[in-house]
Amino acid sequence: MHSMACSGVQTAQNYERFCQSLEPLKGQEIGNALYGLQRCADSTELRAVLASLATKITQCSEPLKGQEIGNALYGLQQCADSTELRAVLAALAPKICQSSEPLNAQNIGNALYGLQRCADSAELRAILDAMVPKIVQCSEPLSEQTIGNALYGLQRCADSKELRAILEAIAPKIIQYPEPLKQQAIGTALYGLQRCADSTELRAVLAALAPKIRQSLEPLKGQTVGNALYGLQRCADSTELRAVLAALAPKICQSFSQRWPPRFVNPQSH
């Protein structure tokens, strides 16, 4: 155990020295570097690396490509809110804005999924603002995993015009998805809405999700039921919310009837 801890510290120190080198990082190197942090828990060493990388991102003179944007943000999924994380977000936002390369569906899902632990801040909102046109411009249909990942990543985003713009951009993409959603995508998508205040944009997302849930043939697991309903905690009563509830109700009944089938009672035994 001690050797593993020492190895982790040594790796972080080596990473920090690399980030502090004089050689500027290219777009692919930035994407790869941040992507590699996806399983790193919050620590002094991780924050030191983020601080160093923030400077390197700012110094990068070339625009980031779609995959590099997706990889960079995806790698932040375990990073707790900190000054260093916000510095990375602040450095990435203009690079995303300046990128002329369209993001494909997977890039979008990865990028938003990586924001799941980012607390509301000016830096996070700048990222959301930069992502909106990328989502709108994406000509590739979003897969069910992308839909679930994209909305799941919004779970700590407070209500803002930037968040509402993201929801507005995603809603038609959900409608365009031609298939019903499977149970995992239903749970992750609705769970990500937990901090979204009632708005026209939120209702549009609910309206888009309801038929995809209703058409689903897959029973919901207990955790999926909990996640899906938990995500509705700030949704005000509306036609759209009721449509989601109506779509979920038979799935919940089906799920629990399969787990605890009714016992057959022989009437002759009474």
C-alpha atoms as a PDB file:
ATOM      1  CA  MET A   1       0.000   0.000   0.000  1.00  0.00           C
ATOM      2  CA  HIS A   2       2.823   2.404   0.928  1.00  0.00           C
ATOM      3  CA  SER A   3       4.625   1.720  -2.359  1.00  0.00           C
ATOM      4  CA  MET A   4       1.423   2.399  -4.321  1.00  0.00           C
ATOM      5  CA  ALA A   5       0.967   5.724  -2.528  1.00  0.00           C
ATOM      6  CA  CYS A   6       4.560   6.695  -3.211  1.00  0.00           C
ATOM      7  CA  SER A   7       4.160   5.671  -6.833  1.00  0.00           C
ATOM      8  CA  GLY A   8       1.072   7.889  -7.155  1.00  0.00           C
ATOM      9  CA  VAL A   9       2.875  10.887  -5.659  1.00  0.00           C
ATOM     10  CA  GLN A  10       5.906  10.296  -7.869  1.00  0.00           C
ATOM     11  CA  THR A  11       3.703  10.072 -10.965  1.00  0.00           C
ATOM     12  CA  ALA A  12       1.981  13.330 -10.058  1.00  0.00           C
ATOM     13  CA  GLN A  13       5.355  15.014  -9.487  1.00  0.00           C
ATOM     14  CA  ASN A  14       6.634  13.804 -12.839  1.00  0.00           C
ATOM     15  CA  TYR A  15       3.455  15.014 -14.496  1.00  0.00           C
ATOM     16  CA  GLU A  16       3.823  18.441 -12.893  1.00  0.00           C
ATOM     17  CA  ARG A  17       7.452  18.745 -14.057  1.00  0.00           C
ATOM     18  CA  PHE A  18       6.310  17.858 -17.564  1.00  0.00           C
ATOM     19  CA  CYS A  19       3.643  20.557 -17.436  1.00  0.00           C
ATOM     20  CA  GLN A  20       6.164  23.119 -16.230  1.00  0.00           C
ATOM     21  CA  SER A  21       8.522  22.461 -19.123  1.00  0.00           C
ATOM     22  CA  LEU A  22       9.236  25.282 -21.550  1.00  0.00           C
ATOM     23  CA  GLU A  23       7.928  23.377 -24.555  1.00  0.00           C
ATOM     24  CA  PRO A  24       4.392  24.502 -25.486  1.00  0.00           C
ATOM     25  CA  LEU A  25       1.709  21.843 -25.688  1.00  0.00           C
ATOM     26  CA  LYS A  26      -0.176  21.161 -28.900  1.00  0.00           C
ATOM     27  CA  GLY A  27      -3.919  20.634 -29.046  1.00  0.00           C
ATOM     28  CA  GLN A  28      -3.689  16.848 -29.118  1.00  0.00           C
ATOM     29  CA  GLU A  29      -1.308  16.879 -26.175  1.00  0.00           C
ATOM     30  CA  ILE A  30      -3.718  19.030 -24.162  1.00  0.00           C
ATOM     31  CA  GLY A  31      -6.585  16.682 -24.920  1.00  0.00           C
ATOM     32  CA  ASN A  32      -4.512  13.624 -24.050  1.00  0.00           C
ATOM     33  CA  ALA A  33      -3.118  15.161 -20.861  1.00  0.00           C
ATOM     34  CA  LEU A  34      -6.521  16.068 -19.419  1.00  0.00           C
ATOM     35  CA  TYR A  35      -8.124  12.847 -20.635  1.00  0.00           C
ATOM     36  CA  GLY A  36      -5.580  10.919 -18.609  1.00  0.00           C
ATOM     37  CA  LEU A  37      -6.822  12.511 -15.371  1.00  0.00           C
ATOM     38  CA  GLN A  38     -10.311  11.003 -15.597  1.00  0.00           C
ATOM     39  CA  ARG A  39      -9.862   8.682 -12.610  1.00  0.00           C
ATOM     40  CA  CYS A  40      -7.762  10.969 -10.423  1.00  0.00           C
ATOM     41  CA  ALA A  41      -9.500  11.927  -7.189  1.00  0.00           C
ATOM     42  CA  ASP A  42      -9.142  15.437  -5.802  1.00  0.00           C
ATOM     43  CA  SER A  43      -5.732  15.936  -4.213  1.00  0.00           C
ATOM     44  CA  THR A  44      -2.979  18.494  -3.750  1.00  0.00           C
ATOM     45  CA  GLU A  45      -1.009  16.771  -6.505  1.00  0.00           C
ATOM     46  CA  LEU A  46      -3.909  16.812  -8.963  1.00  0.00           C
ATOM     47  CA  ARG A  47      -4.545  20.493  -8.321  1.00  0.00           C
ATOM     48  CA  ALA A  48      -0.871  21.247  -8.957  1.00  0.00           C
ATOM     49  CA  VAL A  49      -1.112  19.481 -12.303  1.00  0.00           C
ATOM     50  CA  LEU A  50      -4.296  21.380 -13.210  1.00  0.00           C
ATOM     51  CA  ALA A  51      -2.651  24.696 -12.343  1.00  0.00           C
ATOM     52  CA  SER A  52       0.304  23.888 -14.581  1.00  0.00           C
ATOM     53  CA  LEU A  53      -1.903  22.685 -17.423  1.00  0.00           C
ATOM     54  CA  ALA A  54      -4.072  25.804 -17.259  1.00  0.00           C
ATOM     55  CA  THR A  55      -1.029  27.892 -18.149  1.00  0.00           C
ATOM     56  CA  LYS A  56      -0.105  25.532 -20.982  1.00  0.00           C
ATOM     57  CA  ILE A  57      -3.639  25.655 -22.412  1.00  0.00           C
ATOM     58  CA  THR A  58      -3.567  29.453 -22.393  1.00  0.00           C
ATOM     59  CA  GLN A  59      -0.188  29.444 -24.154  1.00  0.00           C
ATOM     60  CA  CYS A  60      -1.335  27.009 -26.863  1.00  0.00           C
ATOM     61  CA  SER A  61      -1.474  28.925 -30.152  1.00  0.00           C
ATOM     62  CA  GLU A  62      -3.430  26.400 -32.190  1.00  0.00           C
ATOM     63  CA  PRO A  63      -7.202  25.835 -32.028  1.00  0.00           C
ATOM     64  CA  LEU A  64      -8.479  22.642 -30.461  1.00  0.00           C
ATOM     65  CA  LYS A  65     -10.127  20.037 -32.676  1.00  0.00           C
ATOM     66  CA  GLY A  66     -13.426  18.398 -31.827  1.00  0.00           C
ATOM     67  CA  GLN A  67     -11.935  15.234 -30.350  1.00  0.00           C
ATOM     68  CA  GLU A  68      -9.438  17.265 -28.326  1.00  0.00           C
ATOM     69  CA  ILE A  69     -12.258  19.312 -26.808  1.00  0.00           C
ATOM     70  CA  GLY A  70     -14.218  16.181 -25.936  1.00  0.00           C
ATOM     71  CA  ASN A  71     -11.170  14.443 -24.462  1.00  0.00           C
ATOM     72  CA  ALA A  72     -10.073  17.480 -22.446  1.00  0.00           C
ATOM     73  CA  LEU A  73     -13.417  18.030 -20.733  1.00  0.00           C
ATOM     74  CA  TYR A  74     -14.093  14.307 -20.304  1.00  0.00           C
ATOM     75  CA  GLY A  75     -10.932  13.988 -18.267  1.00  0.00           C
ATOM     76  CA  LEU A  76     -12.266  16.428 -15.645  1.00  0.00           C
ATOM     77  CA  GLN A  77     -15.092  14.132 -14.522  1.00  0.00           C
ATOM     78  CA  GLN A  78     -13.561  13.369 -11.099  1.00  0.00           C
ATOM     79  CA  CYS A  79     -12.174  16.855 -10.413  1.00  0.00           C
ATOM     80  CA  ALA A  80     -13.783  18.632  -7.469  1.00  0.00           C
ATOM     81  CA  ASP A  81     -14.427  22.353  -7.639  1.00  0.00           C
ATOM     82  CA  SER A  82     -11.230  24.297  -6.999  1.00  0.00           C
ATOM     83  CA  THR A  83      -9.369  27.407  -8.100  1.00  0.00           C
ATOM     84  CA  GLU A  84      -7.174  25.198 -10.270  1.00  0.00           C
ATOM     85  CA  LEU A  85     -10.097  23.467 -11.972  1.00  0.00           C
ATOM     86  CA  ARG A  86     -11.704  26.817 -12.689  1.00  0.00           C
ATOM     87  CA  ALA A  87      -8.414  28.020 -14.184  1.00  0.00           C
ATOM     88  CA  VAL A  88      -8.485  25.063 -16.592  1.00  0.00           C
ATOM     89  CA  LEU A  89     -12.103  25.806 -17.534  1.00  0.00           C
ATOM     90  CA  ALA A  90     -11.254  29.482 -18.063  1.00  0.00           C
ATOM     91  CA  ALA A  91      -8.360  28.514 -20.330  1.00  0.00           C
ATOM     92  CA  LEU A  92     -10.419  26.018 -22.329  1.00  0.00           C
ATOM     93  CA  ALA A  93     -13.485  28.198 -22.959  1.00  0.00           C
ATOM     94  CA  PRO A  94     -11.895  30.553 -25.540  1.00  0.00           C
ATOM     95  CA  LYS A  95     -10.200  27.590 -27.243  1.00  0.00           C
ATOM     96  CA  ILE A  96     -13.610  25.979 -27.713  1.00  0.00           C
ATOM     97  CA  CYS A  97     -15.049  29.231 -29.036  1.00  0.00           C
ATOM     98  CA  GLN A  98     -12.169  29.619 -31.482  1.00  0.00           C
ATOM     99  CA  SER A  99     -12.413  26.060 -32.786  1.00  0.00           C
ATOM    100  CA  SER A 100     -13.804  25.929 -36.299  1.00  0.00           C
ATOM    101  CA  GLU A 101     -14.050  22.134 -36.408  1.00  0.00           C
ATOM    102  CA  PRO A 102     -17.516  20.693 -35.750  1.00  0.00           C
ATOM    103  CA  LEU A 103     -17.920  18.380 -32.790  1.00  0.00           C
ATOM    104  CA  ASN A 104     -19.428  14.977 -33.488  1.00  0.00           C
ATOM    105  CA  ALA A 105     -21.987  13.352 -31.225  1.00  0.00           C
ATOM    106  CA  GLN A 106     -19.437  11.497 -29.110  1.00  0.00           C
ATOM    107  CA  ASN A 107     -17.369  14.668 -28.630  1.00  0.00           C
ATOM    108  CA  ILE A 108     -20.452  16.467 -27.310  1.00  0.00           C
ATOM    109  CA  GLY A 109     -21.423  13.651 -24.962  1.00  0.00           C
ATOM    110  CA  ASN A 110     -17.879  13.335 -23.614  1.00  0.00           C
ATOM    111  CA  ALA A 111     -17.465  17.090 -23.154  1.00  0.00           C
ATOM    112  CA  LEU A 112     -20.663  17.594 -21.149  1.00  0.00           C
ATOM    113  CA  TYR A 113     -20.219  14.347 -19.200  1.00  0.00           C
ATOM    114  CA  GLY A 114     -16.883  15.614 -17.930  1.00  0.00           C
ATOM    115  CA  LEU A 115     -18.565  18.588 -16.233  1.00  0.00           C
ATOM    116  CA  GLN A 116     -20.491  16.436 -13.742  1.00  0.00           C
ATOM    117  CA  ARG A 117     -18.548  17.594 -10.656  1.00  0.00           C
ATOM    118  CA  CYS A 118     -18.001  21.206 -11.691  1.00  0.00           C
ATOM    119  CA  ALA A 119     -19.811  23.606  -9.373  1.00  0.00           C
ATOM    120  CA  ASP A 120     -21.619  26.604 -10.789  1.00  0.00           C
ATOM    121  CA  SER A 121     -19.151  29.372 -11.609  1.00  0.00           C
ATOM    122  CA  ALA A 122     -18.418  32.011 -14.219  1.00  0.00           C
ATOM    123  CA  GLU A 123     -15.832  29.646 -15.699  1.00  0.00           C
ATOM    124  CA  LEU A 124     -18.289  26.766 -16.004  1.00  0.00           C
ATOM    125  CA  ARG A 125     -20.879  29.029 -17.585  1.00  0.00           C
ATOM    126  CA  ALA A 126     -18.280  30.172 -20.115  1.00  0.00           C
ATOM    127  CA  ILE A 127     -17.762  26.521 -21.089  1.00  0.00           C
ATOM    128  CA  LEU A 128     -21.516  25.979 -21.450  1.00  0.00           C
ATOM    129  CA  ASP A 129     -21.794  29.142 -23.539  1.00  0.00           C
ATOM    130  CA  ALA A 130     -18.985  27.948 -25.812  1.00  0.00           C
ATOM    131  CA  MET A 131     -20.593  24.515 -26.205  1.00  0.00           C
ATOM    132  CA  VAL A 132     -24.021  25.746 -27.298  1.00  0.00           C
ATOM    133  CA  PRO A 133     -23.156  26.521 -30.944  1.00  0.00           C
ATOM    134  CA  LYS A 134     -21.167  23.287 -31.162  1.00  0.00           C
ATOM    135  CA  ILE A 135     -24.271  21.303 -30.191  1.00  0.00           C
ATOM    136  CA  VAL A 136     -26.480  23.257 -32.583  1.00  0.00           C
ATOM    137  CA  GLN A 137     -24.021  22.784 -35.449  1.00  0.00           C
ATOM    138  CA  CYS A 138     -23.626  19.044 -34.883  1.00  0.00           C
ATOM    139  CA  SER A 139     -25.192  17.335 -37.904  1.00  0.00           C
ATOM    140  CA  GLU A 140     -24.657  13.835 -36.553  1.00  0.00           C
ATOM    141  CA  PRO A 141     -27.589  12.297 -34.607  1.00  0.00           C
ATOM    142  CA  LEU A 142     -26.931  11.847 -30.909  1.00  0.00           C
ATOM    143  CA  SER A 143     -26.905   8.253 -29.712  1.00  0.00           C
ATOM    144  CA  GLU A 144     -28.849   7.252 -26.601  1.00  0.00           C
ATOM    145  CA  GLN A 145     -25.585   7.037 -24.647  1.00  0.00           C
ATOM    146  CA  THR A 146     -24.654  10.534 -25.797  1.00  0.00           C
ATOM    147  CA  ILE A 147     -28.053  11.886 -24.738  1.00  0.00           C
ATOM    148  CA  GLY A 148     -27.734  10.286 -21.316  1.00  0.00           C
ATOM    149  CA  ASN A 149     -24.115  11.374 -20.825  1.00  0.00           C
ATOM    150  CA  ALA A 150     -24.736  14.939 -21.987  1.00  0.00           C
ATOM    151  CA  LEU A 151     -27.626  15.531 -19.581  1.00  0.00           C
ATOM    152  CA  TYR A 152     -25.940  13.610 -16.746  1.00  0.00           C
ATOM    153  CA  GLY A 153     -22.999  15.988 -16.930  1.00  0.00           C
ATOM    154  CA  LEU A 154     -25.262  18.942 -16.093  1.00  0.00           C
ATOM    155  CA  GLN A 155     -26.161  17.657 -12.624  1.00  0.00           C
ATOM    156  CA  ARG A 156     -24.337  20.419 -10.708  1.00  0.00           C
ATOM    157  CA  CYS A 157     -25.088  23.287 -13.080  1.00  0.00           C
ATOM    158  CA  ALA A 158     -27.273  25.930 -11.451  1.00  0.00           C
ATOM    159  CA  ASP A 159     -30.022  27.637 -13.406  1.00  0.00           C
ATOM    160  CA  SER A 160     -28.547  30.212 -15.791  1.00  0.00           C
ATOM    161  CA  LYS A 161     -29.065  31.513 -19.301  1.00  0.00           C
ATOM    162  CA  GLU A 162     -26.105  29.387 -20.402  1.00  0.00           C
ATOM    163  CA  LEU A 163     -27.624  26.205 -18.963  1.00  0.00           C
ATOM    164  CA  ARG A 164     -30.979  26.997 -20.526  1.00  0.00           C
ATOM    165  CA  ALA A 165     -29.278  27.513 -23.877  1.00  0.00           C
ATOM    166  CA  ILE A 166     -27.677  24.074 -23.557  1.00  0.00           C
ATOM    167  CA  LEU A 167     -31.074  22.512 -22.795  1.00  0.00           C
ATOM    168  CA  GLU A 168     -32.617  24.341 -25.739  1.00  0.00           C
ATOM    169  CA  ALA A 169     -29.893  22.992 -28.034  1.00  0.00           C
ATOM    170  CA  ILE A 170     -30.211  19.406 -26.764  1.00  0.00           C
ATOM    171  CA  ALA A 171     -34.018  19.121 -26.870  1.00  0.00           C
ATOM    172  CA  PRO A 172     -34.329  18.841 -30.686  1.00  0.00           C
ATOM    173  CA  LYS A 173     -31.421  16.385 -30.744  1.00  0.00           C
ATOM    174  CA  ILE A 174     -33.402  14.104 -28.410  1.00  0.00           C
ATOM    175  CA  ILE A 175     -36.449  14.374 -30.670  1.00  0.00           C
ATOM    176  CA  GLN A 176     -34.321  13.415 -33.664  1.00  0.00           C
ATOM    177  CA  TYR A 177     -33.148  10.212 -31.998  1.00  0.00           C
ATOM    178  CA  PRO A 178     -35.254   7.567 -33.763  1.00  0.00           C
ATOM    179  CA  GLU A 179     -35.309   4.869 -31.088  1.00  0.00           C
ATOM    180  CA  PRO A 180     -36.719   4.521 -27.554  1.00  0.00           C
ATOM    181  CA  LEU A 181     -34.222   4.987 -24.752  1.00  0.00           C
ATOM    182  CA  LYS A 182     -32.922   2.049 -22.756  1.00  0.00           C
ATOM    183  CA  GLN A 183     -33.193   2.065 -18.987  1.00  0.00           C
ATOM    184  CA  GLN A 184     -29.678   3.309 -18.236  1.00  0.00           C
ATOM    185  CA  ALA A 185     -30.027   6.298 -20.566  1.00  0.00           C
ATOM    186  CA  ILE A 186     -33.398   7.148 -18.988  1.00  0.00           C
ATOM    187  CA  GLY A 187     -31.892   7.176 -15.514  1.00  0.00           C
ATOM    188  CA  THR A 188     -28.774   9.166 -16.376  1.00  0.00           C
ATOM    189  CA  ALA A 189     -30.646  11.697 -18.522  1.00  0.00           C
ATOM    190  CA  LEU A 190     -33.265  12.545 -15.889  1.00  0.00           C
ATOM    191  CA  TYR A 191     -30.757  12.443 -13.024  1.00  0.00           C
ATOM    192  CA  GLY A 192     -28.748  15.189 -14.707  1.00  0.00           C
ATOM    193  CA  LEU A 193     -31.731  17.585 -14.517  1.00  0.00           C
ATOM    194  CA  GLN A 194     -31.724  17.727 -10.709  1.00  0.00           C
ATOM    195  CA  ARG A 195     -30.644  21.378 -10.448  1.00  0.00           C
ATOM    196  CA  CYS A 196     -32.513  22.701 -13.459  1.00  0.00           C
ATOM    197  CA  ALA A 197     -35.182  25.222 -12.476  1.00  0.00           C
ATOM    198  CA  ASP A 198     -38.512  25.264 -14.263  1.00  0.00           C
ATOM    199  CA  SER A 199     -38.173  26.929 -17.648  1.00  0.00           C
ATOM    200  CA  THR A 200     -39.380  26.679 -21.212  1.00  0.00           C
ATOM    201  CA  GLU A 201     -36.088  24.988 -22.112  1.00  0.00           C
ATOM    202  CA  LEU A 202     -36.365  22.381 -19.346  1.00  0.00           C
ATOM    203  CA  ARG A 203     -39.930  21.618 -20.356  1.00  0.00           C
ATOM    204  CA  ALA A 204     -38.762  21.155 -23.947  1.00  0.00           C
ATOM    205  CA  VAL A 205     -36.271  18.527 -22.773  1.00  0.00           C
ATOM    206  CA  LEU A 206     -38.951  16.764 -20.709  1.00  0.00           C
ATOM    207  CA  ALA A 207     -41.326  16.838 -23.680  1.00  0.00           C
ATOM    208  CA  ALA A 208     -38.623  15.304 -25.867  1.00  0.00           C
ATOM    209  CA  LEU A 209     -37.785  12.585 -23.336  1.00  0.00           C
ATOM    210  CA  ALA A 210     -41.347  11.497 -22.488  1.00  0.00           C
ATOM    211  CA  PRO A 211     -42.124   9.561 -25.709  1.00  0.00           C
ATOM    212  CA  LYS A 212     -38.659   7.981 -25.705  1.00  0.00           C
ATOM    213  CA  ILE A 213     -39.367   6.679 -22.185  1.00  0.00           C
ATOM    214  CA  ARG A 214     -42.920   5.594 -23.039  1.00  0.00           C
ATOM    215  CA  GLN A 215     -41.731   3.628 -26.073  1.00  0.00           C
ATOM    216  CA  SER A 216     -38.972   1.852 -24.148  1.00  0.00           C
ATOM    217  CA  LEU A 217     -39.486  -1.893 -23.807  1.00  0.00           C
ATOM    218  CA  GLU A 218     -36.752  -2.377 -21.228  1.00  0.00           C
ATOM    219  CA  PRO A 219     -37.793  -2.652 -17.550  1.00  0.00           C
ATOM    220  CA  LEU A 220     -36.193  -0.206 -15.146  1.00  0.00           C
ATOM    221  CA  LYS A 221     -33.828  -1.368 -12.434  1.00  0.00           C
ATOM    222  CA  GLY A 222     -34.310  -0.049  -8.923  1.00  0.00           C
ATOM    223  CA  GLN A 223     -31.357   2.315  -9.180  1.00  0.00           C
ATOM    224  CA  THR A 224     -32.672   3.665 -12.465  1.00  0.00           C
ATOM    225  CA  VAL A 225     -36.059   4.376 -10.887  1.00  0.00           C
ATOM    226  CA  GLY A 226     -34.385   6.226  -8.039  1.00  0.00           C
ATOM    227  CA  ASN A 227     -32.089   8.235 -10.316  1.00  0.00           C
ATOM    228  CA  ALA A 228     -34.857   9.146 -12.739  1.00  0.00           C
ATOM    229  CA  LEU A 229     -37.277  10.413 -10.095  1.00  0.00           C
ATOM    230  CA  TYR A 230     -34.513  12.091  -8.083  1.00  0.00           C
ATOM    231  CA  GLY A 231     -33.641  14.190 -11.117  1.00  0.00           C
ATOM    232  CA  LEU A 232     -37.152  15.663 -11.217  1.00  0.00           C
ATOM    233  CA  GLN A 233     -36.871  17.334  -7.805  1.00  0.00           C
ATOM    234  CA  ARG A 234     -36.902  20.923  -9.116  1.00  0.00           C
ATOM    235  CA  CYS A 235     -39.334  20.431 -11.973  1.00  0.00           C
ATOM    236  CA  ALA A 236     -42.521  22.423 -11.436  1.00  0.00           C
ATOM    237  CA  ASP A 237     -45.861  20.836 -12.219  1.00  0.00           C
ATOM    238  CA  SER A 238     -46.491  21.004 -15.943  1.00  0.00           C
ATOM    239  CA  THR A 239     -47.933  19.037 -18.829  1.00  0.00           C
ATOM    240  CA  GLU A 240     -44.405  18.011 -19.780  1.00  0.00           C
ATOM    241  CA  LEU A 241     -43.554  16.752 -16.280  1.00  0.00           C
ATOM    242  CA  ARG A 242     -46.803  14.802 -16.101  1.00  0.00           C
ATOM    243  CA  ALA A 243     -45.982  13.207 -19.461  1.00  0.00           C
ATOM    244  CA  VAL A 244     -42.663  11.983 -18.049  1.00  0.00           C
ATOM    245  CA  LEU A 245     -44.375  10.664 -14.914  1.00  0.00           C
ATOM    246  CA  ALA A 246     -47.029   8.931 -17.014  1.00  0.00           C
ATOM    247  CA  ALA A 247     -44.295   7.314 -19.097  1.00  0.00           C
ATOM    248  CA  LEU A 248     -42.378   6.170 -16.010  1.00  0.00           C
ATOM    249  CA  ALA A 249     -45.316   4.748 -14.040  1.00  0.00           C
ATOM    250  CA  PRO A 250     -45.837   1.506 -16.021  1.00  0.00           C
ATOM    251  CA  LYS A 251     -42.072   0.983 -16.224  1.00  0.00           C
ATOM    252  CA  ILE A 252     -41.852   1.134 -12.441  1.00  0.00           C
ATOM    253  CA  CYS A 253     -44.774  -1.276 -12.035  1.00  0.00           C
ATOM    254  CA  GLN A 254     -43.225  -3.637 -14.568  1.00  0.00           C
ATOM    255  CA  SER A 255     -39.873  -3.456 -12.835  1.00  0.00           C
ATOM    256  CA  PHE A 256     -41.171  -4.319  -9.387  1.00  0.00           C
ATOM    257  CA  SER A 257     -43.621  -6.952 -10.603  1.00  0.00           C
ATOM    258  CA  GLN A 258     -40.681  -8.769 -12.177  1.00  0.00           C
ATOM    259  CA  ARG A 259     -38.680  -8.584  -8.973  1.00  0.00           C
ATOM    260  CA  TRP A 260     -41.583  -9.704  -6.765  1.00  0.00           C
ATOM    261  CA  PRO A 261     -44.083 -11.664  -8.881  1.00  0.00           C
ATOM    262  CA  PRO A 262     -47.481 -12.202  -7.251  1.00  0.00           C
ATOM    263  CA  ARG A 263     -47.767 -15.452  -5.320  1.00  0.00           C
ATOM    264  CA  PHE A 264     -50.299 -17.981  -6.565  1.00  0.00           C
ATOM    265  CA  VAL A 265     -52.787 -18.908  -3.870  1.00  0.00           C
ATOM    266  CA  ASN A 266     -54.789 -22.130  -4.262  1.00  0.00           C
ATOM    267  CA  PRO A 267     -58.396 -21.214  -3.404  1.00  0.00           C
ATOM    268  CA  GLN A 268     -59.039 -24.798  -2.272  1.00  0.00           C
ATOM    269  CA  SER A 269     -56.555 -24.346   0.532  1.00  0.00           C
ATOM    270  CA  HIS A 270     -58.875 -21.884   2.297  1.00  0.00           C
END
